[in-house]
Protein backbone atom coordinates (compact mmCIF):
# COMPACT_ATOMS: atom_id res chain seq x y z
CA MET A 1 -116.83 97.66 62.41
CA GLY A 2 -116.05 100.99 60.76
CA LYS A 3 -115.79 104.54 62.02
CA GLY A 4 -119.09 106.29 62.65
CA GLU A 5 -121.06 103.09 63.12
CA LYS A 6 -123.66 103.03 65.86
CA ILE A 7 -122.83 101.33 69.17
CA LEU A 8 -125.53 100.88 71.80
CA TYR A 9 -124.47 100.78 75.44
CA ILE A 10 -126.99 98.76 77.45
CA LYS A 11 -127.75 98.65 81.17
CA ALA A 12 -125.81 101.58 82.59
CA GLN A 13 -128.54 102.50 85.05
CA TRP A 14 -126.46 103.05 88.18
CA LEU A 15 -124.30 106.13 88.50
CA GLY A 16 -121.23 104.14 89.55
CA ASP A 17 -121.48 101.94 86.47
CA ILE A 18 -121.77 104.96 84.18
CA ILE A 19 -118.68 106.58 85.70
CA SER A 20 -116.69 103.33 85.61
CA TRP A 21 -117.26 103.07 81.84
CA ILE A 22 -115.82 106.50 81.05
CA PRO A 23 -112.44 105.03 79.91
CA LYS A 24 -114.27 102.85 77.37
CA LEU A 25 -116.35 105.79 76.14
CA ILE A 26 -113.19 107.85 75.64
CA ALA A 27 -111.59 105.04 73.62
CA LEU A 28 -114.69 104.73 71.43
CA LYS A 29 -114.84 108.48 70.90
CA GLU A 30 -111.22 108.50 69.73
CA LYS A 31 -112.19 105.86 67.14
CA TRP A 32 -115.09 108.03 65.92
CA TYR A 33 -117.86 105.59 66.86
CA LYS A 34 -121.33 106.93 67.61
CA VAL A 35 -122.20 105.63 71.07
CA TYR A 36 -125.83 105.61 72.23
CA GLN A 37 -126.63 105.02 75.90
CA THR A 38 -129.84 103.40 77.14
CA PHE A 39 -131.62 105.10 80.03
CA TYR A 40 -134.47 103.84 82.15
CA ASP A 41 -135.71 106.35 84.74
CA MET A 42 -136.04 104.02 87.72
CA ARG A 43 -137.71 106.56 89.99
CA TYR A 44 -141.11 105.67 88.52
CA ARG A 45 -140.88 101.91 88.87
CA GLU A 46 -144.14 100.76 90.46
CA LYS A 47 -142.43 98.35 92.81
CA ASP A 48 -140.52 101.32 94.29
CA LEU A 49 -143.70 103.30 94.84
CA ARG A 50 -146.44 100.74 95.41
CA ASN A 51 -146.50 100.67 99.23
CA LEU A 52 -145.43 104.24 99.92
CA SER A 53 -147.60 107.10 101.10
CA LYS A 54 -148.14 110.15 98.87
CA THR A 55 -145.64 112.10 100.96
CA ASP A 56 -142.98 109.40 100.64
CA LYS A 57 -143.60 109.06 96.89
CA SER A 58 -143.07 112.77 96.47
CA ARG A 59 -139.90 112.67 98.55
CA LEU A 60 -138.52 109.67 96.66
CA LYS A 61 -138.97 111.40 93.31
CA LYS A 62 -136.90 114.35 94.53
CA GLN A 63 -133.95 112.29 95.76
CA PRO A 64 -130.68 113.08 93.96
CA MET A 65 -129.86 109.40 93.50
CA TYR A 66 -132.62 109.27 90.88
CA ARG A 67 -132.31 112.73 89.41
CA TRP A 68 -128.52 112.74 88.96
CA ARG A 69 -128.39 109.51 86.98
CA ARG A 70 -129.74 111.39 83.98
CA ASN A 71 -127.53 114.41 84.77
CA ILE A 72 -124.37 112.30 84.45
CA LEU A 73 -125.45 111.06 81.03
CA GLU A 74 -126.18 114.62 79.92
CA ILE A 75 -122.64 115.62 80.98
CA LEU A 76 -121.18 112.74 78.95
CA LYS A 77 -123.27 113.83 75.98
CA LYS A 78 -122.05 117.43 76.25
CA ASN A 79 -118.49 116.10 76.29
CA TRP A 80 -119.22 114.04 73.15
CA LEU A 81 -118.54 110.76 74.95
CA ILE A 82 -122.00 109.59 73.97
CA TYR A 83 -123.80 110.65 70.82
CA ASP A 84 -127.32 110.39 72.23
CA ILE A 85 -129.40 109.00 75.10
CA ILE A 86 -131.93 106.30 74.22
CA ASP A 87 -134.87 106.55 76.63
CA ILE A 88 -136.64 103.25 77.20
CA PRO A 89 -140.35 104.07 77.69
CA TYR A 90 -142.91 102.69 80.15
CA GLY A 91 -146.01 100.68 79.36
CA VAL A 92 -146.63 97.85 76.88
CA PHE A 93 -147.71 99.95 73.89
CA PRO A 94 -145.04 102.69 74.20
CA LEU A 95 -142.41 99.96 74.58
CA LEU A 96 -143.73 98.10 71.53
CA ILE A 97 -143.61 101.26 69.40
CA PHE A 98 -140.08 101.93 70.68
CA ILE A 99 -138.92 98.44 69.64
CA ILE A 100 -140.47 98.75 66.18
CA LYS A 101 -138.82 102.14 65.59
CA ASN A 102 -135.42 100.94 66.81
CA PHE A 103 -135.47 97.31 65.66
CA LYS A 104 -131.91 96.29 64.67
CA LYS A 105 -131.04 99.98 64.39
CA PHE A 106 -127.58 99.63 65.93
CA ASN A 107 -124.50 97.92 64.55
CA LYS A 108 -123.35 96.53 67.86
CA ALA A 109 -124.57 96.32 71.46
CA VAL A 110 -121.94 96.64 74.20
CA ILE A 111 -122.95 95.12 77.52
CA PRO A 112 -120.35 95.47 80.31
CA ILE A 113 -122.22 93.14 82.71
CA LYS A 114 -124.55 90.50 81.28
CA THR A 115 -128.15 90.53 82.51
CA ARG A 116 -131.36 88.96 81.24
CA ILE A 117 -132.84 92.33 80.24
CA SER A 118 -129.68 93.46 78.45
CA MET A 119 -129.60 90.22 76.40
CA ILE A 120 -133.23 90.72 75.35
CA LEU A 121 -132.57 94.34 74.36
CA TRP A 122 -129.57 93.55 72.17
CA LYS A 123 -131.51 90.91 70.24
CA LEU A 124 -134.21 93.47 69.49
CA LEU A 125 -132.13 96.59 68.91
CA SER A 126 -128.74 95.51 67.58
CA LYS A 127 -127.12 93.25 64.98
CA GLU A 128 -124.14 92.11 67.08
CA ILE A 129 -123.29 91.77 70.74
CA SER A 130 -120.25 92.14 72.96
CA TYR A 131 -120.25 91.67 76.73
CA THR A 132 -117.36 91.51 79.17
CA PHE A 133 -118.61 90.10 82.48
CA GLU A 134 -121.02 87.28 83.30
CA ASP A 135 -122.09 88.88 86.61
CA PRO A 136 -120.94 91.62 89.06
CA ASN A 137 -118.49 89.23 90.75
CA ASP A 138 -116.95 87.81 87.57
CA THR A 139 -113.22 88.56 87.89
CA LYS A 140 -111.92 85.74 85.68
CA LYS A 141 -110.68 88.09 82.95
CA TYR A 142 -110.37 91.46 84.66
CA LYS A 143 -110.09 92.72 88.22
CA ASN A 144 -112.78 95.38 87.88
CA ILE A 145 -115.06 97.14 85.39
CA ILE A 146 -112.49 99.83 84.62
CA GLN A 147 -109.89 97.27 83.55
CA GLY A 148 -112.44 95.38 81.48
CA GLU A 149 -113.66 98.53 79.74
CA SER A 150 -110.31 100.27 79.21
CA GLU A 151 -107.49 99.93 76.71
CA TRP A 152 -105.17 101.29 79.42
CA LYS A 153 -105.54 98.60 82.05
CA LYS A 154 -103.40 100.13 84.81
CA ASP A 155 -104.72 103.68 84.66
CA VAL A 156 -106.73 105.02 87.58
CA LEU A 157 -109.91 106.99 86.88
CA TYR A 158 -108.15 110.24 87.79
CA LYS A 159 -106.09 109.91 84.60
CA TYR A 160 -109.28 110.66 82.63
CA LYS A 161 -110.33 113.76 84.59
CA LYS A 162 -109.06 116.21 81.97
CA LYS A 163 -111.07 114.44 79.28
CA ILE A 164 -114.35 115.66 80.80
CA VAL A 165 -115.54 119.19 81.54
CA PHE A 166 -117.52 119.35 84.78
CA ASN A 167 -119.36 122.39 86.06
CA ARG A 168 -118.54 123.04 89.69
CA LYS A 169 -119.88 125.52 92.22
CA LYS A 170 -117.75 126.84 95.07
CA ILE A 171 -119.13 126.58 98.60
CA SER A 172 -117.74 127.34 102.04
CA LEU A 173 -115.59 124.47 103.31
CA PRO A 174 -112.99 123.89 106.04
CA LYS A 175 -109.44 124.82 105.01
CA LYS A 176 -108.25 121.21 105.34
CA TYR A 177 -110.73 118.36 105.39
CA ILE A 178 -111.40 114.70 104.65
CA THR A 179 -114.75 113.73 103.16
CA ILE A 180 -116.50 110.62 104.40
CA PHE A 181 -119.17 108.92 102.33
CA PRO A 182 -120.49 106.24 104.73
CA SER A 183 -123.11 104.75 102.39
CA LEU A 184 -125.29 102.05 104.01
CA TRP A 185 -124.55 100.73 107.47
CA GLU A 186 -123.71 97.37 105.84
CA ARG A 187 -121.00 99.03 103.74
CA SER A 188 -119.32 100.93 106.56
CA PRO A 189 -116.88 99.74 109.25
CA GLN A 190 -118.30 99.01 112.68
CA ASP A 191 -118.85 101.86 115.18
CA THR A 192 -115.72 101.37 117.28
CA GLU A 193 -113.46 101.39 114.23
CA ARG A 194 -115.16 104.44 112.68
CA ILE A 195 -114.75 106.44 115.88
CA LYS A 196 -111.03 105.57 116.04
CA VAL A 197 -110.55 106.77 112.47
CA ILE A 198 -112.38 110.02 113.09
CA GLU A 199 -110.43 110.70 116.29
CA TYR A 200 -107.21 110.15 114.33
CA ILE A 201 -108.31 112.60 111.63
CA ILE A 202 -109.06 115.23 114.27
CA LYS A 203 -105.60 114.73 115.83
CA LYS A 204 -104.13 115.45 112.41
CA LYS A 205 -105.94 118.84 112.53
CA LEU A 206 -108.18 117.95 109.62
CA GLU A 207 -111.92 118.52 109.67
CA ILE A 208 -114.50 115.93 108.66
CA VAL A 209 -117.13 116.53 105.99
CA ILE A 210 -120.00 114.05 105.65
CA ILE A 211 -121.67 113.92 102.22
CA TRP A 212 -124.66 112.63 100.26
CA TRP A 213 -128.34 112.38 101.26
CA THR A 214 -130.96 111.19 103.78
CA ARG A 215 -129.82 107.58 103.65
CA GLU A 216 -126.50 108.53 105.30
CA GLN A 217 -128.15 110.29 108.27
CA TRP A 218 -127.56 107.17 110.38
CA PHE A 219 -123.82 107.96 110.33
CA VAL A 220 -124.31 111.57 111.43
CA ASP A 221 -126.60 110.45 114.25
CA SER A 222 -124.01 107.97 115.51
CA MET A 223 -121.24 110.59 115.38
CA GLN A 224 -123.27 113.23 117.18
CA LYS A 225 -123.48 110.91 120.18
CA GLN A 226 -119.72 111.39 120.51
CA LYS A 227 -119.67 114.86 122.09
CA LYS A 228 -115.98 115.53 121.36
CA ILE A 229 -116.35 114.89 117.66
CA LYS A 230 -117.14 117.85 115.42
CA ILE A 231 -118.26 117.23 111.85
CA THR A 232 -119.44 119.32 108.91
CA ASN A 233 -122.73 117.78 107.85
CA LEU A 234 -123.46 118.35 104.13
CA ILE A 235 -126.11 115.65 103.85
CA ASN A 236 -128.86 116.92 101.51
CA LYS A 237 -127.09 120.29 101.37
CA THR A 238 -125.27 120.14 98.03
CA ASN A 239 -126.35 120.01 94.42
CA PHE A 240 -124.31 118.11 91.84
CA GLU A 241 -122.02 121.05 90.96
CA GLU A 242 -121.30 121.65 94.67
CA LEU A 243 -120.60 117.96 95.30
CA ILE A 244 -118.04 118.05 92.48
CA TYR A 245 -116.30 120.93 94.26
CA VAL A 246 -116.34 119.16 97.66
CA LEU A 247 -114.80 115.93 96.32
CA GLU A 248 -112.26 117.72 94.17
CA LYS A 249 -110.89 119.95 96.94
CA ALA A 250 -110.70 117.32 99.70
CA ASN A 251 -107.33 116.32 101.15
CA ILE A 252 -108.61 112.72 101.05
CA ASN A 253 -111.94 111.11 100.16
CA ILE A 254 -112.94 108.07 102.22
CA CYS A 255 -115.81 106.27 100.48
CA CYS A 256 -117.63 103.11 101.54
CA ASN A 257 -118.95 101.82 98.22
CA GLY A 258 -121.35 103.59 95.90
CA TRP A 259 -121.19 105.79 92.82
CA ILE A 260 -119.61 108.61 94.82
CA MET A 261 -116.57 106.36 95.24
CA ARG A 262 -116.09 106.26 91.49
CA LEU A 263 -116.79 109.97 91.10
CA ALA A 264 -114.28 110.78 93.87
CA ASN A 265 -111.63 108.64 92.17
CA LEU A 266 -112.28 110.49 88.90
CA LEU A 267 -112.03 113.98 90.43
CA ASN A 268 -109.32 113.51 93.07
CA LYS A 269 -106.25 111.28 93.09
CA LYS A 270 -106.27 110.84 96.91
CA ASN A 271 -108.86 108.26 97.92
CA ILE A 272 -109.43 105.39 100.33
CA ASN A 273 -112.09 103.02 99.01
CA ILE A 274 -113.62 100.71 101.62
CA HIS A 275 -115.41 97.55 100.44
CA THR A 276 -117.51 95.17 102.49
CA VAL A 277 -120.57 93.87 100.63
CA SER A 278 -119.86 95.57 97.29
CA ALA A 279 -119.45 93.39 94.21
CA TYR A 280 -115.85 92.74 93.16
CA LEU A 281 -116.19 94.53 89.84
CA MET A 282 -117.23 97.76 91.56
CA GLU A 283 -113.74 98.41 92.92
CA PRO A 284 -112.07 101.42 91.26
CA GLN A 285 -108.59 100.98 89.84
CA VAL A 286 -106.00 102.27 92.38
CA ASP A 287 -102.29 103.09 92.29
CA ASN A 288 -101.52 102.07 95.93
CA LYS A 289 -99.74 105.37 96.41
CA TYR A 290 -102.39 108.07 96.36
CA SER A 291 -105.38 105.72 96.24
CA TYR A 292 -106.16 102.41 97.94
CA ASN A 293 -108.85 99.72 98.05
CA ILE A 294 -109.56 98.12 101.42
CA ARG A 295 -111.16 94.67 101.27
CA PRO A 296 -109.46 92.30 103.75
CA TYR A 297 -112.32 89.79 103.94
CA LYS A 298 -111.83 86.74 101.68
CA TYR A 299 -115.47 85.51 101.31
CA GLN A 300 -114.69 81.80 101.55
CA THR A 301 -118.27 80.90 102.52
CA CYS A 302 -120.20 83.70 100.84
CA GLN A 303 -119.77 86.28 98.10
CA PRO A 304 -120.36 90.04 98.11
CA CYS A 305 -124.11 90.49 98.44
CA GLU A 306 -124.58 94.27 97.98
CA ALA A 307 -126.75 94.17 101.14
CA ALA A 308 -130.10 95.04 99.62
CA THR A 309 -131.95 97.26 102.06
CA SER A 310 -135.50 98.39 102.71
CA ARG A 311 -134.42 101.20 104.98
CA PHE A 312 -136.61 103.88 103.41
CA ASN A 313 -138.08 105.65 106.45
CA ASN A 314 -135.58 103.84 108.73
CA LYS A 315 -137.16 100.43 108.23
CA LYS A 316 -135.40 97.28 109.38
CA THR A 317 -132.67 96.01 107.06
CA ILE A 318 -133.34 92.90 105.00
CA LYS A 319 -131.52 89.94 106.56
CA LYS A 320 -129.14 89.48 103.62
CA CYS A 321 -126.00 88.31 105.44
CA VAL A 322 -125.55 84.53 105.11
CA PHE A 323 -124.35 84.50 108.72
CA TYR A 324 -127.38 86.40 110.03
CA ASN A 325 -128.02 85.86 113.74
CA THR A 326 -124.77 83.95 114.26
CA LYS A 327 -121.40 84.89 115.72
CA ARG A 328 -120.10 85.38 112.17
CA GLU A 329 -122.72 87.95 111.20
CA TRP A 330 -121.24 90.77 109.03
CA GLU A 331 -117.72 89.31 109.06
CA CYS A 332 -116.90 91.44 106.02
CA ARG A 333 -117.54 94.60 108.07
CA LEU A 334 -115.74 93.32 111.14
CA ALA A 335 -112.61 92.67 109.06
CA ILE A 336 -112.16 96.42 108.46
CA LYS A 337 -109.82 97.78 111.14
CA ALA A 338 -109.13 101.40 112.05
CA GLU A 339 -105.37 100.83 112.13
CA HIS A 340 -105.39 99.89 108.46
CA ILE A 341 -107.34 102.99 107.46
CA THR A 342 -105.26 105.38 109.59
CA SER A 343 -102.01 103.96 108.23
CA LEU A 344 -103.17 104.75 104.69
CA ILE A 345 -104.26 108.24 105.71
CA GLU A 346 -100.77 108.77 107.12
CA LYS A 347 -99.13 107.59 103.90
CA ILE A 348 -101.23 109.87 101.72
CA LEU A 349 -100.80 112.93 103.93
CA ASN A 350 -97.01 112.47 103.90
CA LEU A 351 -96.75 112.47 100.10
């Protein structure tokens, strides 16, 4: 394949996936390939909206998780890491017209993680195919997506920070602080362990900043029950440029899965990444000096399940754990201990 030929990247719908593929995009840019990225605006999927009230539909469409997915791609385009964004339309006839216009248009389709939809798309839109992983837990060749998509296998995401220009907006923050991105309850350590970690951070005279949106309110609610614990709650209070600033300036970012974990590892070298139900490939590359992955559970009987949830409007969580309603329920969460987290905080702070 020669310089300037068209490469189509398929199925980078989640923010974390898009960020994890930045090393590959940089390598392709340096070889002068034209990379096109598919985009499917998932906020309008009928199955997301079908059973919601008008108020909830309106609120869902405004959530940053949906809006920022496109923003990240626009940033990559401005930095010339992708040549253009290929919007996949809705409806049978618009989709048919799209396929006709783009039939075999691209020289090669690059699919990081193989899916049924991605395989159909490459057959219609591209002449060749290349995919790296069979599924999100396929670690036979590479430890994570970043290794599989990078020519520099041992580099952490932070090594690529200077390759991308981000806009950032300064906001008022504590002088010294640790951000916590708790994600879903299923992806966060149990209450007793979380409280121990937060009490340790306070003893170190660092403040705690909680980030992201409505979904993470459960964590704030649980912390507010602890009267001695003071936190800075930034849930739903930052735009993308402000979130960049918060993650970049933190003394340490503690992230429990999610795209923010990858963004934090790109912007800041000091990170503790906690994994419970997250797929193996979603782990960022770490240096075990400034950044660490915590995943003590070995999954002998199950595999990471991502813990699909229906907790929109605080609904009950889908019973995804294979040990549901047994003594072994959520073993992957119970394996995360405060002592492990605090020991890593100590190591990073002493550097």
